Amino acid sequence: MNNQNNEFLNWGEGFTAQEDEYVLLDEGVYNFTISKMEKKVYDGNSSKIPNGCPYAELTIQVESSKGTANIRERLYLMKSMQWKLTQFFVGIGQPVVTGQVFNPNWETVVGSKGRAEITQHHYTNQNGDDRTNNQVARYLKPQDPTPALNANQQSQQMNQKQGQMPQQQMPFPPQQPQQPFNGQRPQQPFNGLQGAQGGQPGAF
């Protein structure tokens, strides 16, 4: 299957400068988001996966204090892998019932969130160099109480986004007219006609 990463570059043509920054996560449980999914057909040399097997290649994005980690995961559509398919779709919140036929909603996979146990995998590449990457050991059920190591990281990002939102100023409430104390009518101002003893004008 061809994609943009497989496009050729031409001689004498410029290219976009990029750095290969791989974020290696510490082992533990993390919140994740599925950022990409491609439907592919296996064509390799594995003794466990036969050629022609359909599979979904996922990009699992994890936000951490080290940066954004992207983990590649494969879901093979094989009867021997039904346990992993069940674990994945339960983990992202789709209504899976054990023992019953389940038709997954592939259209909503991208953007789905969940929690997974991430491990470090050590291997030797084709050049004989020792390498380490991250792999998904298991997907957790939504009701699993195990806390995620990057829970605080996501909360900080949400707070930063909320802090960037402009605050709306509330209008001042209209002032209410002052009511006379104890229901009495306010005193009339002194007009010079009343006597010092409070008598009526013209009275002796």
N, C-alpha and C. Protein backbone atom coordinates (compact mmCIF):
# COMPACT_ATOMS: atom_id res chain seq x y z
N MET A 1 0.85 -1.19 0.00
CA MET A 1 0.00 0.00 0.00
C MET A 1 0.89 1.24 0.00
N ASN A 2 0.64 2.13 -0.89
CA ASN A 2 1.46 3.33 -1.02
C ASN A 2 0.89 4.44 -0.14
N ASN A 3 1.77 5.25 0.44
CA ASN A 3 1.35 6.40 1.21
C ASN A 3 2.37 7.51 1.01
N GLN A 4 2.18 8.63 1.69
CA GLN A 4 3.04 9.77 1.48
C GLN A 4 4.47 9.50 1.90
N ASN A 5 4.68 8.66 2.90
CA ASN A 5 6.05 8.36 3.34
C ASN A 5 6.84 7.58 2.31
N ASN A 6 6.14 6.93 1.37
CA ASN A 6 6.81 6.15 0.33
C ASN A 6 7.05 6.93 -0.95
N GLU A 7 6.68 8.21 -0.97
CA GLU A 7 6.89 9.00 -2.17
C GLU A 7 8.38 9.27 -2.38
N PHE A 8 8.81 9.28 -3.64
CA PHE A 8 10.21 9.47 -3.96
C PHE A 8 10.60 10.94 -3.92
N LEU A 9 11.89 11.20 -3.61
CA LEU A 9 12.47 12.53 -3.71
C LEU A 9 13.33 12.57 -4.97
N ASN A 10 13.30 13.68 -5.67
CA ASN A 10 14.02 13.82 -6.93
C ASN A 10 15.36 14.54 -6.71
N TRP A 11 16.34 14.18 -7.56
CA TRP A 11 17.64 14.85 -7.53
C TRP A 11 17.45 16.34 -7.84
N GLY A 12 18.15 17.18 -7.09
CA GLY A 12 18.04 18.61 -7.31
C GLY A 12 16.79 19.23 -6.71
N GLU A 13 16.01 18.44 -6.00
CA GLU A 13 14.77 18.93 -5.39
C GLU A 13 14.96 19.01 -3.88
N GLY A 14 14.45 20.06 -3.26
CA GLY A 14 14.58 20.23 -1.83
C GLY A 14 13.72 19.26 -1.05
N PHE A 15 13.98 19.18 0.25
CA PHE A 15 13.20 18.33 1.14
C PHE A 15 13.04 19.04 2.47
N THR A 16 12.10 18.56 3.25
CA THR A 16 11.82 19.16 4.56
C THR A 16 12.74 18.57 5.61
N ALA A 17 13.52 19.43 6.28
CA ALA A 17 14.47 18.97 7.29
C ALA A 17 13.71 18.48 8.52
N GLN A 18 14.03 17.29 8.98
CA GLN A 18 13.38 16.70 10.15
C GLN A 18 14.42 16.00 11.01
N GLU A 19 14.14 15.94 12.31
CA GLU A 19 14.98 15.19 13.24
C GLU A 19 14.25 13.92 13.66
N ASP A 20 15.04 12.85 13.80
CA ASP A 20 14.47 11.58 14.22
C ASP A 20 14.52 11.52 15.75
N GLU A 21 13.46 12.01 16.38
CA GLU A 21 13.40 12.05 17.83
C GLU A 21 12.45 10.96 18.31
N TYR A 22 13.01 9.91 18.87
CA TYR A 22 12.20 8.81 19.37
C TYR A 22 12.10 8.93 20.88
N VAL A 23 10.88 8.97 21.40
CA VAL A 23 10.64 9.08 22.84
C VAL A 23 10.44 7.67 23.39
N LEU A 24 11.34 7.26 24.29
CA LEU A 24 11.25 5.94 24.92
C LEU A 24 10.62 6.11 26.29
N LEU A 25 9.45 5.50 26.48
CA LEU A 25 8.73 5.61 27.74
C LEU A 25 9.26 4.62 28.76
N ASP A 26 9.20 5.02 30.04
CA ASP A 26 9.44 4.06 31.11
C ASP A 26 8.28 3.06 31.16
N GLU A 27 8.56 1.90 31.66
CA GLU A 27 7.52 0.88 31.72
C GLU A 27 6.44 1.27 32.73
N GLY A 28 5.20 0.99 32.39
CA GLY A 28 4.09 1.31 33.27
C GLY A 28 2.79 1.46 32.50
N VAL A 29 1.76 1.93 33.17
CA VAL A 29 0.43 2.12 32.58
C VAL A 29 0.29 3.57 32.15
N TYR A 30 -0.21 3.77 30.92
CA TYR A 30 -0.34 5.11 30.35
C TYR A 30 -1.71 5.28 29.70
N ASN A 31 -2.21 6.51 29.73
CA ASN A 31 -3.34 6.87 28.89
C ASN A 31 -2.85 7.02 27.45
N PHE A 32 -3.69 6.64 26.50
CA PHE A 32 -3.29 6.73 25.10
C PHE A 32 -4.45 7.19 24.24
N THR A 33 -4.12 7.61 23.03
CA THR A 33 -5.10 7.97 22.00
C THR A 33 -4.68 7.32 20.69
N ILE A 34 -5.62 6.73 19.97
CA ILE A 34 -5.32 6.17 18.66
C ILE A 34 -5.31 7.32 17.66
N SER A 35 -4.14 7.64 17.12
CA SER A 35 -4.02 8.77 16.21
C SER A 35 -4.07 8.37 14.73
N LYS A 36 -3.88 7.07 14.45
CA LYS A 36 -3.85 6.65 13.04
C LYS A 36 -4.14 5.16 12.95
N MET A 37 -4.79 4.75 11.86
CA MET A 37 -5.03 3.33 11.60
C MET A 37 -5.00 3.08 10.10
N GLU A 38 -4.31 2.02 9.72
CA GLU A 38 -4.26 1.60 8.31
C GLU A 38 -4.61 0.13 8.22
N LYS A 39 -5.43 -0.22 7.24
CA LYS A 39 -5.77 -1.62 6.99
C LYS A 39 -4.77 -2.18 5.98
N LYS A 40 -4.09 -3.26 6.37
CA LYS A 40 -3.04 -3.83 5.53
C LYS A 40 -3.19 -5.35 5.44
N VAL A 41 -2.35 -5.94 4.60
CA VAL A 41 -2.30 -7.40 4.43
C VAL A 41 -0.85 -7.82 4.68
N TYR A 42 -0.68 -8.82 5.53
CA TYR A 42 0.66 -9.24 5.91
C TYR A 42 1.36 -9.97 4.76
N ASP A 43 2.62 -9.60 4.55
CA ASP A 43 3.46 -10.25 3.54
C ASP A 43 4.89 -10.26 4.07
N GLY A 44 5.16 -11.21 4.94
CA GLY A 44 6.48 -11.28 5.57
C GLY A 44 6.99 -12.70 5.69
N ASN A 45 7.90 -12.90 6.65
CA ASN A 45 8.53 -14.20 6.82
C ASN A 45 8.31 -14.77 8.22
N SER A 46 7.17 -14.45 8.82
CA SER A 46 6.89 -14.93 10.16
C SER A 46 6.40 -16.37 10.13
N SER A 47 6.80 -17.12 11.16
CA SER A 47 6.34 -18.50 11.29
C SER A 47 4.99 -18.57 12.01
N LYS A 48 4.57 -17.44 12.61
CA LYS A 48 3.31 -17.41 13.35
C LYS A 48 2.19 -16.76 12.57
N ILE A 49 2.54 -15.80 11.69
CA ILE A 49 1.53 -15.08 10.93
C ILE A 49 1.63 -15.50 9.46
N PRO A 50 0.59 -16.13 8.90
CA PRO A 50 0.65 -16.53 7.49
C PRO A 50 0.51 -15.34 6.55
N ASN A 51 1.14 -15.42 5.41
CA ASN A 51 1.00 -14.38 4.40
C ASN A 51 -0.45 -14.28 3.94
N GLY A 52 -0.87 -13.06 3.68
CA GLY A 52 -2.25 -12.83 3.27
C GLY A 52 -3.19 -12.51 4.41
N CYS A 53 -2.68 -12.53 5.64
CA CYS A 53 -3.52 -12.25 6.80
C CYS A 53 -3.81 -10.75 6.87
N PRO A 54 -5.08 -10.34 6.94
CA PRO A 54 -5.39 -8.92 7.10
C PRO A 54 -5.09 -8.46 8.52
N TYR A 55 -4.64 -7.21 8.65
CA TYR A 55 -4.37 -6.67 9.98
C TYR A 55 -4.52 -5.16 9.96
N ALA A 56 -4.74 -4.61 11.14
CA ALA A 56 -4.84 -3.16 11.32
C ALA A 56 -3.55 -2.68 11.97
N GLU A 57 -2.90 -1.72 11.33
CA GLU A 57 -1.70 -1.13 11.91
C GLU A 57 -2.09 0.18 12.59
N LEU A 58 -1.89 0.24 13.89
CA LEU A 58 -2.30 1.39 14.68
C LEU A 58 -1.11 2.22 15.11
N THR A 59 -1.33 3.51 15.24
CA THR A 59 -0.36 4.39 15.88
C THR A 59 -0.96 4.84 17.20
N ILE A 60 -0.33 4.40 18.28
CA ILE A 60 -0.82 4.70 19.62
C ILE A 60 -0.01 5.87 20.16
N GLN A 61 -0.67 6.97 20.41
CA GLN A 61 -0.01 8.20 20.85
C GLN A 61 -0.13 8.35 22.36
N VAL A 62 1.02 8.58 22.98
CA VAL A 62 1.08 8.73 24.44
C VAL A 62 1.76 10.05 24.76
N GLU A 63 1.07 10.92 25.50
CA GLU A 63 1.65 12.18 25.96
C GLU A 63 2.30 11.94 27.32
N SER A 64 3.57 12.33 27.43
CA SER A 64 4.30 12.13 28.68
C SER A 64 5.18 13.33 28.96
N SER A 65 5.83 13.34 30.14
CA SER A 65 6.73 14.43 30.49
C SER A 65 7.97 14.44 29.59
N LYS A 66 8.27 13.32 28.95
CA LYS A 66 9.41 13.25 28.03
C LYS A 66 9.07 13.76 26.64
N GLY A 67 7.79 13.87 26.35
CA GLY A 67 7.33 14.27 25.03
C GLY A 67 6.26 13.32 24.53
N THR A 68 5.96 13.42 23.25
CA THR A 68 4.93 12.57 22.63
C THR A 68 5.56 11.31 22.08
N ALA A 69 5.10 10.16 22.56
CA ALA A 69 5.59 8.87 22.08
C ALA A 69 4.56 8.26 21.15
N ASN A 70 5.01 7.73 20.02
CA ASN A 70 4.15 7.05 19.06
C ASN A 70 4.56 5.58 18.97
N ILE A 71 3.66 4.72 19.36
CA ILE A 71 3.93 3.28 19.39
C ILE A 71 3.14 2.60 18.29
N ARG A 72 3.83 1.79 17.51
CA ARG A 72 3.15 1.07 16.43
C ARG A 72 2.64 -0.28 16.95
N GLU A 73 1.39 -0.55 16.65
CA GLU A 73 0.74 -1.77 17.12
C GLU A 73 0.01 -2.42 15.96
N ARG A 74 -0.01 -3.75 15.94
CA ARG A 74 -0.72 -4.50 14.90
C ARG A 74 -1.78 -5.39 15.51
N LEU A 75 -2.96 -5.34 14.92
CA LEU A 75 -4.04 -6.23 15.31
C LEU A 75 -4.33 -7.16 14.15
N TYR A 76 -3.93 -8.42 14.28
CA TYR A 76 -4.11 -9.41 13.21
C TYR A 76 -5.50 -10.02 13.31
N LEU A 77 -6.19 -10.10 12.18
CA LEU A 77 -7.54 -10.66 12.14
C LEU A 77 -7.45 -12.17 11.95
N MET A 78 -7.13 -12.83 13.06
CA MET A 78 -7.00 -14.29 13.09
C MET A 78 -7.78 -14.83 14.29
N LYS A 79 -8.29 -16.04 14.17
CA LYS A 79 -9.02 -16.64 15.28
C LYS A 79 -8.13 -16.82 16.50
N SER A 80 -6.83 -17.09 16.27
CA SER A 80 -5.92 -17.26 17.39
C SER A 80 -5.63 -15.93 18.11
N MET A 81 -6.03 -14.82 17.50
CA MET A 81 -5.80 -13.50 18.08
C MET A 81 -7.09 -12.85 18.56
N GLN A 82 -8.17 -13.63 18.67
CA GLN A 82 -9.44 -13.06 19.10
C GLN A 82 -9.35 -12.50 20.52
N TRP A 83 -8.50 -13.07 21.35
CA TRP A 83 -8.34 -12.59 22.71
C TRP A 83 -7.77 -11.17 22.72
N LYS A 84 -6.81 -10.90 21.83
CA LYS A 84 -6.21 -9.57 21.78
C LYS A 84 -7.17 -8.55 21.18
N LEU A 85 -7.92 -8.96 20.15
CA LEU A 85 -8.93 -8.07 19.58
C LEU A 85 -9.97 -7.70 20.63
N THR A 86 -10.41 -8.71 21.41
CA THR A 86 -11.38 -8.47 22.47
C THR A 86 -10.81 -7.49 23.49
N GLN A 87 -9.57 -7.71 23.89
CA GLN A 87 -8.92 -6.85 24.89
C GLN A 87 -8.82 -5.41 24.40
N PHE A 88 -8.49 -5.23 23.12
CA PHE A 88 -8.34 -3.89 22.57
C PHE A 88 -9.66 -3.15 22.52
N PHE A 89 -10.69 -3.78 21.96
CA PHE A 89 -11.97 -3.09 21.79
C PHE A 89 -12.67 -2.86 23.13
N VAL A 90 -12.48 -3.75 24.09
CA VAL A 90 -12.99 -3.47 25.44
C VAL A 90 -12.26 -2.27 26.02
N GLY A 91 -10.95 -2.20 25.78
CA GLY A 91 -10.14 -1.12 26.35
C GLY A 91 -10.49 0.25 25.83
N ILE A 92 -10.99 0.34 24.58
CA ILE A 92 -11.35 1.65 24.03
C ILE A 92 -12.84 1.93 24.18
N GLY A 93 -13.54 1.05 24.91
CA GLY A 93 -14.92 1.35 25.28
C GLY A 93 -15.99 0.86 24.35
N GLN A 94 -15.67 -0.02 23.40
CA GLN A 94 -16.73 -0.56 22.55
C GLN A 94 -17.47 -1.69 23.29
N PRO A 95 -18.77 -1.86 23.01
CA PRO A 95 -19.60 -2.79 23.79
C PRO A 95 -19.38 -4.26 23.44
N VAL A 96 -18.31 -4.82 23.94
CA VAL A 96 -17.98 -6.22 23.69
C VAL A 96 -18.58 -7.08 24.80
N VAL A 97 -19.22 -8.18 24.43
CA VAL A 97 -19.78 -9.13 25.39
C VAL A 97 -19.09 -10.47 25.18
N THR A 98 -18.40 -10.95 26.21
CA THR A 98 -17.66 -12.21 26.11
C THR A 98 -18.60 -13.37 25.78
N GLY A 99 -18.20 -14.16 24.81
CA GLY A 99 -18.99 -15.32 24.41
C GLY A 99 -19.98 -15.04 23.30
N GLN A 100 -20.13 -13.77 22.92
CA GLN A 100 -21.04 -13.41 21.85
C GLN A 100 -20.28 -12.84 20.66
N VAL A 101 -20.89 -12.97 19.48
CA VAL A 101 -20.27 -12.43 18.27
C VAL A 101 -20.27 -10.91 18.35
N PHE A 102 -19.13 -10.31 18.05
CA PHE A 102 -18.98 -8.86 18.12
C PHE A 102 -18.47 -8.32 16.79
N ASN A 103 -19.18 -7.33 16.26
CA ASN A 103 -18.75 -6.65 15.04
C ASN A 103 -18.12 -5.31 15.41
N PRO A 104 -16.81 -5.20 15.35
CA PRO A 104 -16.17 -3.94 15.78
C PRO A 104 -16.48 -2.79 14.85
N ASN A 105 -16.53 -1.61 15.42
CA ASN A 105 -16.74 -0.39 14.65
C ASN A 105 -15.36 0.21 14.34
N TRP A 106 -14.81 -0.16 13.19
CA TRP A 106 -13.48 0.30 12.81
C TRP A 106 -13.47 1.79 12.50
N GLU A 107 -14.60 2.33 12.12
CA GLU A 107 -14.65 3.74 11.73
C GLU A 107 -14.40 4.68 12.90
N THR A 108 -14.63 4.22 14.13
CA THR A 108 -14.45 5.09 15.29
C THR A 108 -13.18 4.78 16.08
N VAL A 109 -12.33 3.93 15.51
CA VAL A 109 -11.09 3.57 16.23
C VAL A 109 -10.18 4.78 16.37
N VAL A 110 -9.95 5.51 15.27
CA VAL A 110 -9.10 6.70 15.32
C VAL A 110 -9.77 7.75 16.21
N GLY A 111 -9.02 8.22 17.18
CA GLY A 111 -9.55 9.17 18.15
C GLY A 111 -9.99 8.52 19.44
N SER A 112 -10.09 7.18 19.46
CA SER A 112 -10.49 6.48 20.68
C SER A 112 -9.38 6.57 21.72
N LYS A 113 -9.79 6.54 23.00
CA LYS A 113 -8.84 6.66 24.10
C LYS A 113 -8.96 5.45 25.01
N GLY A 114 -7.90 5.19 25.75
CA GLY A 114 -7.90 4.07 26.69
C GLY A 114 -6.63 4.10 27.52
N ARG A 115 -6.39 3.00 28.22
CA ARG A 115 -5.17 2.84 29.01
C ARG A 115 -4.52 1.51 28.66
N ALA A 116 -3.19 1.52 28.65
CA ALA A 116 -2.46 0.31 28.29
C ALA A 116 -1.20 0.19 29.14
N GLU A 117 -0.78 -1.04 29.35
CA GLU A 117 0.50 -1.28 30.02
C GLU A 117 1.59 -1.30 28.95
N ILE A 118 2.55 -0.39 29.07
CA ILE A 118 3.63 -0.25 28.10
C ILE A 118 4.91 -0.86 28.66
N THR A 119 5.59 -1.66 27.85
CA THR A 119 6.86 -2.26 28.24
C THR A 119 7.96 -1.83 27.28
N GLN A 120 9.19 -2.13 27.64
CA GLN A 120 10.34 -1.87 26.78
C GLN A 120 10.81 -3.17 26.15
N HIS A 121 10.98 -3.15 24.84
CA HIS A 121 11.39 -4.33 24.08
C HIS A 121 12.80 -4.13 23.56
N HIS A 122 13.69 -5.05 23.90
CA HIS A 122 15.08 -4.99 23.46
C HIS A 122 15.29 -5.96 22.29
N TYR A 123 15.95 -5.49 21.25
CA TYR A 123 16.15 -6.31 20.07
C TYR A 123 17.44 -5.89 19.36
N THR A 124 17.82 -6.66 18.35
CA THR A 124 18.98 -6.36 17.52
C THR A 124 18.52 -6.13 16.09
N ASN A 125 18.89 -4.99 15.53
CA ASN A 125 18.43 -4.66 14.18
C ASN A 125 19.26 -5.38 13.12
N GLN A 126 18.97 -5.10 11.86
CA GLN A 126 19.64 -5.79 10.76
C GLN A 126 21.13 -5.49 10.70
N ASN A 127 21.53 -4.37 11.26
CA ASN A 127 22.95 -4.00 11.27
C ASN A 127 23.70 -4.54 12.47
N GLY A 128 23.00 -5.30 13.33
CA GLY A 128 23.64 -5.85 14.51
C GLY A 128 23.69 -4.91 15.69
N ASP A 129 22.95 -3.80 15.61
CA ASP A 129 22.94 -2.83 16.71
C ASP A 129 21.84 -3.16 17.70
N ASP A 130 22.14 -2.96 18.98
CA ASP A 130 21.13 -3.18 20.01
C ASP A 130 20.19 -1.98 20.07
N ARG A 131 18.91 -2.26 20.06
CA ARG A 131 17.91 -1.22 20.07
C ARG A 131 16.84 -1.54 21.12
N THR A 132 16.12 -0.49 21.53
CA THR A 132 15.02 -0.63 22.49
C THR A 132 13.85 0.21 22.02
N ASN A 133 12.66 -0.36 22.03
CA ASN A 133 11.46 0.40 21.71
C ASN A 133 10.35 0.03 22.69
N ASN A 134 9.23 0.69 22.56
CA ASN A 134 8.08 0.41 23.42
C ASN A 134 7.10 -0.50 22.73
N GLN A 135 6.45 -1.33 23.51
CA GLN A 135 5.40 -2.21 23.02
C GLN A 135 4.24 -2.21 24.00
N VAL A 136 3.06 -2.56 23.48
CA VAL A 136 1.87 -2.68 24.33
C VAL A 136 1.81 -4.10 24.87
N ALA A 137 1.85 -4.24 26.20
CA ALA A 137 1.75 -5.56 26.82
C ALA A 137 0.30 -6.00 26.94
N ARG A 138 -0.58 -5.06 27.30
CA ARG A 138 -2.01 -5.37 27.43
C ARG A 138 -2.80 -4.08 27.48
N TYR A 139 -4.07 -4.20 27.13
CA TYR A 139 -5.00 -3.07 27.21
C TYR A 139 -5.87 -3.26 28.45
N LEU A 140 -6.02 -2.19 29.22
CA LEU A 140 -6.77 -2.28 30.46
C LEU A 140 -8.26 -2.02 30.22
N LYS A 141 -9.09 -2.67 31.02
CA LYS A 141 -10.52 -2.42 30.98
C LYS A 141 -10.81 -1.03 31.56
N PRO A 142 -11.86 -0.38 31.10
CA PRO A 142 -12.16 0.96 31.61
C PRO A 142 -12.34 1.01 33.12
N GLN A 143 -12.86 -0.06 33.72
CA GLN A 143 -13.11 -0.06 35.16
C GLN A 143 -11.88 -0.46 35.97
N ASP A 144 -10.76 -0.77 35.32
CA ASP A 144 -9.53 -1.12 36.04
C ASP A 144 -9.05 0.08 36.83
N PRO A 145 -8.78 -0.06 38.14
CA PRO A 145 -8.41 1.10 38.97
C PRO A 145 -6.95 1.53 38.85
N THR A 146 -6.14 0.80 38.08
CA THR A 146 -4.72 1.14 37.98
C THR A 146 -4.55 2.55 37.43
N PRO A 147 -3.87 3.44 38.16
CA PRO A 147 -3.70 4.82 37.67
C PRO A 147 -2.67 4.89 36.55
N ALA A 148 -2.82 5.88 35.69
CA ALA A 148 -1.88 6.08 34.57
C ALA A 148 -0.75 6.99 35.01
N LEU A 149 0.46 6.69 34.55
CA LEU A 149 1.63 7.49 34.91
C LEU A 149 1.55 8.90 34.32
N ASN A 150 0.85 9.06 33.21
CA ASN A 150 0.78 10.36 32.54
C ASN A 150 -0.53 11.08 32.80
N ALA A 151 -1.24 10.70 33.87
CA ALA A 151 -2.52 11.35 34.17
C ALA A 151 -2.31 12.82 34.48
N ASN A 152 -1.26 13.14 35.25
CA ASN A 152 -0.99 14.53 35.58
C ASN A 152 -0.59 15.33 34.36
N GLN A 153 0.12 14.67 33.43
CA GLN A 153 0.55 15.35 32.21
C GLN A 153 -0.66 15.81 31.40
N GLN A 154 -1.66 14.98 31.26
CA GLN A 154 -2.86 15.33 30.52
C GLN A 154 -3.65 16.41 31.24
N SER A 155 -3.67 16.37 32.59
CA SER A 155 -4.38 17.40 33.33
C SER A 155 -3.72 18.76 33.13
N GLN A 156 -2.38 18.77 33.11
CA GLN A 156 -1.67 20.02 32.90
C GLN A 156 -1.96 20.59 31.53
N GLN A 157 -2.03 19.73 30.52
CA GLN A 157 -2.33 20.19 29.17
C GLN A 157 -3.74 20.76 29.08
N MET A 158 -4.68 20.14 29.77
CA MET A 158 -6.05 20.65 29.76
C MET A 158 -6.12 22.01 30.46
N ASN A 159 -5.36 22.15 31.57
CA ASN A 159 -5.36 23.42 32.28
C ASN A 159 -4.72 24.51 31.44
N GLN A 160 -3.67 24.16 30.68
CA GLN A 160 -3.03 25.14 29.81
C GLN A 160 -3.99 25.60 28.73
N LYS A 161 -4.76 24.67 28.16
CA LYS A 161 -5.71 25.04 27.13
C LYS A 161 -6.80 25.94 27.69
N GLN A 162 -7.26 25.62 28.92
CA GLN A 162 -8.29 26.44 29.54
C GLN A 162 -7.76 27.83 29.88
N GLY A 163 -6.45 27.89 30.26
CA GLY A 163 -5.86 29.17 30.58
C GLY A 163 -5.68 30.06 29.37
N GLN A 164 -5.62 29.46 28.19
CA GLN A 164 -5.47 30.24 26.97
C GLN A 164 -6.79 30.79 26.46
N MET A 165 -7.90 30.30 26.98
CA MET A 165 -9.21 30.76 26.54
C MET A 165 -9.48 32.14 27.14
N PRO A 166 -9.96 33.10 26.34
CA PRO A 166 -10.24 34.43 26.88
C PRO A 166 -11.36 34.40 27.90
N GLN A 167 -11.15 35.13 28.98
CA GLN A 167 -12.15 35.17 30.03
C GLN A 167 -13.19 36.24 29.71
N GLN A 168 -14.43 35.89 29.83
CA GLN A 168 -15.52 36.81 29.56
C GLN A 168 -15.84 37.60 30.82
N GLN A 169 -15.89 38.93 30.68
CA GLN A 169 -16.23 39.77 31.81
C GLN A 169 -17.74 39.83 31.98
N MET A 170 -18.15 39.60 33.22
CA MET A 170 -19.57 39.63 33.52
C MET A 170 -20.00 41.08 33.71
N PRO A 171 -21.12 41.48 33.15
CA PRO A 171 -21.58 42.87 33.34
C PRO A 171 -21.97 43.13 34.78
N PHE A 172 -21.76 44.35 35.22
CA PHE A 172 -22.13 44.70 36.59
C PHE A 172 -23.65 44.65 36.73
N PRO A 173 -24.14 44.10 37.84
CA PRO A 173 -25.60 44.06 38.02
C PRO A 173 -26.14 45.46 38.26
N PRO A 174 -27.34 45.73 37.81
CA PRO A 174 -27.92 47.07 38.02
C PRO A 174 -28.12 47.35 39.50
N GLN A 175 -27.83 48.57 39.89
CA GLN A 175 -27.96 48.94 41.29
C GLN A 175 -29.44 49.10 41.64
N GLN A 176 -29.80 48.53 42.78
CA GLN A 176 -31.17 48.63 43.26
C GLN A 176 -31.35 49.90 44.08
N PRO A 177 -32.47 50.63 43.94
CA PRO A 177 -32.70 51.83 44.76
C PRO A 177 -32.79 51.47 46.23
N GLN A 178 -32.22 52.30 47.07
CA GLN A 178 -32.21 52.05 48.50
C GLN A 178 -33.62 52.21 49.07
N GLN A 179 -34.03 51.23 49.86
CA GLN A 179 -35.33 51.27 50.50
C GLN A 179 -35.24 51.98 51.84
N PRO A 180 -36.28 52.72 52.29
CA PRO A 180 -36.25 53.40 53.60
C PRO A 180 -36.13 52.40 54.73
N PHE A 181 -35.45 52.77 55.78
CA PHE A 181 -35.18 51.87 56.90
C PHE A 181 -36.47 51.59 57.68
N ASN A 182 -36.76 50.30 57.93
CA ASN A 182 -37.92 49.83 58.70
C ASN A 182 -39.24 50.33 58.12
N GLY A 183 -39.27 50.58 56.82
CA GLY A 183 -40.52 50.99 56.20
C GLY A 183 -40.92 52.42 56.47
N GLN A 184 -40.10 53.21 57.21
CA GLN A 184 -40.46 54.59 57.49
C GLN A 184 -40.12 55.46 56.31
N ARG A 185 -40.92 56.52 56.15
CA ARG A 185 -40.67 57.44 55.06
C ARG A 185 -39.45 58.28 55.37
N PRO A 186 -38.65 58.60 54.39
CA PRO A 186 -37.45 59.39 54.65
C PRO A 186 -37.83 60.76 55.19
N GLN A 187 -36.97 61.32 56.07
CA GLN A 187 -37.21 62.62 56.66
C GLN A 187 -37.11 63.71 55.61
N GLN A 188 -37.99 64.74 55.76
CA GLN A 188 -37.97 65.86 54.84
C GLN A 188 -36.86 66.82 55.25
N PRO A 189 -36.22 67.39 54.30
CA PRO A 189 -35.15 68.33 54.64
C PRO A 189 -35.69 69.55 55.36
N PHE A 190 -34.87 70.16 56.24
CA PHE A 190 -35.26 71.35 57.03
C PHE A 190 -35.40 72.55 56.11
N ASN A 191 -36.59 73.18 56.13
CA ASN A 191 -36.85 74.30 55.22
C ASN A 191 -36.88 75.65 55.91
N GLY A 192 -36.52 75.65 57.19
CA GLY A 192 -36.46 76.93 57.91
C GLY A 192 -37.80 77.43 58.40
N LEU A 193 -38.92 76.78 58.11
CA LEU A 193 -40.23 77.24 58.52
C LEU A 193 -40.63 76.68 59.88
N GLN A 194 -40.06 75.50 60.22
CA GLN A 194 -40.42 74.89 61.48
C GLN A 194 -39.60 75.52 62.60
N GLY A 195 -40.19 75.67 63.76
CA GLY A 195 -39.51 76.25 64.88
C GLY A 195 -38.51 75.30 65.49
N ALA A 196 -37.73 75.82 66.38
CA ALA A 196 -36.70 75.00 67.01
C ALA A 196 -37.30 73.90 67.84
N GLN A 197 -38.52 74.09 68.38
CA GLN A 197 -39.15 73.08 69.21
C GLN A 197 -40.07 72.17 68.44
N GLY A 198 -40.04 72.29 67.13
CA GLY A 198 -40.90 71.41 66.33
C GLY A 198 -42.29 71.93 66.19
N GLY A 199 -42.61 73.22 66.57
CA GLY A 199 -43.96 73.73 66.43
C GLY A 199 -44.27 74.10 65.00
N GLN A 200 -45.55 74.33 64.77
CA GLN A 200 -46.00 74.70 63.44
C GLN A 200 -45.78 76.18 63.25
N PRO A 201 -45.57 76.60 62.07
CA PRO A 201 -45.39 78.04 61.83
C PRO A 201 -46.62 78.84 62.23
N GLY A 202 -46.37 79.97 62.92
CA GLY A 202 -47.45 80.84 63.38
C GLY A 202 -47.96 80.49 64.75
N ALA A 203 -47.50 79.35 65.34
CA ALA A 203 -47.95 78.94 66.66
C ALA A 203 -47.11 79.64 67.72
N PHE A 204 -47.75 79.96 68.88
CA PHE A 204 -47.03 80.64 69.96
C PHE A 204 -46.77 79.64 71.08
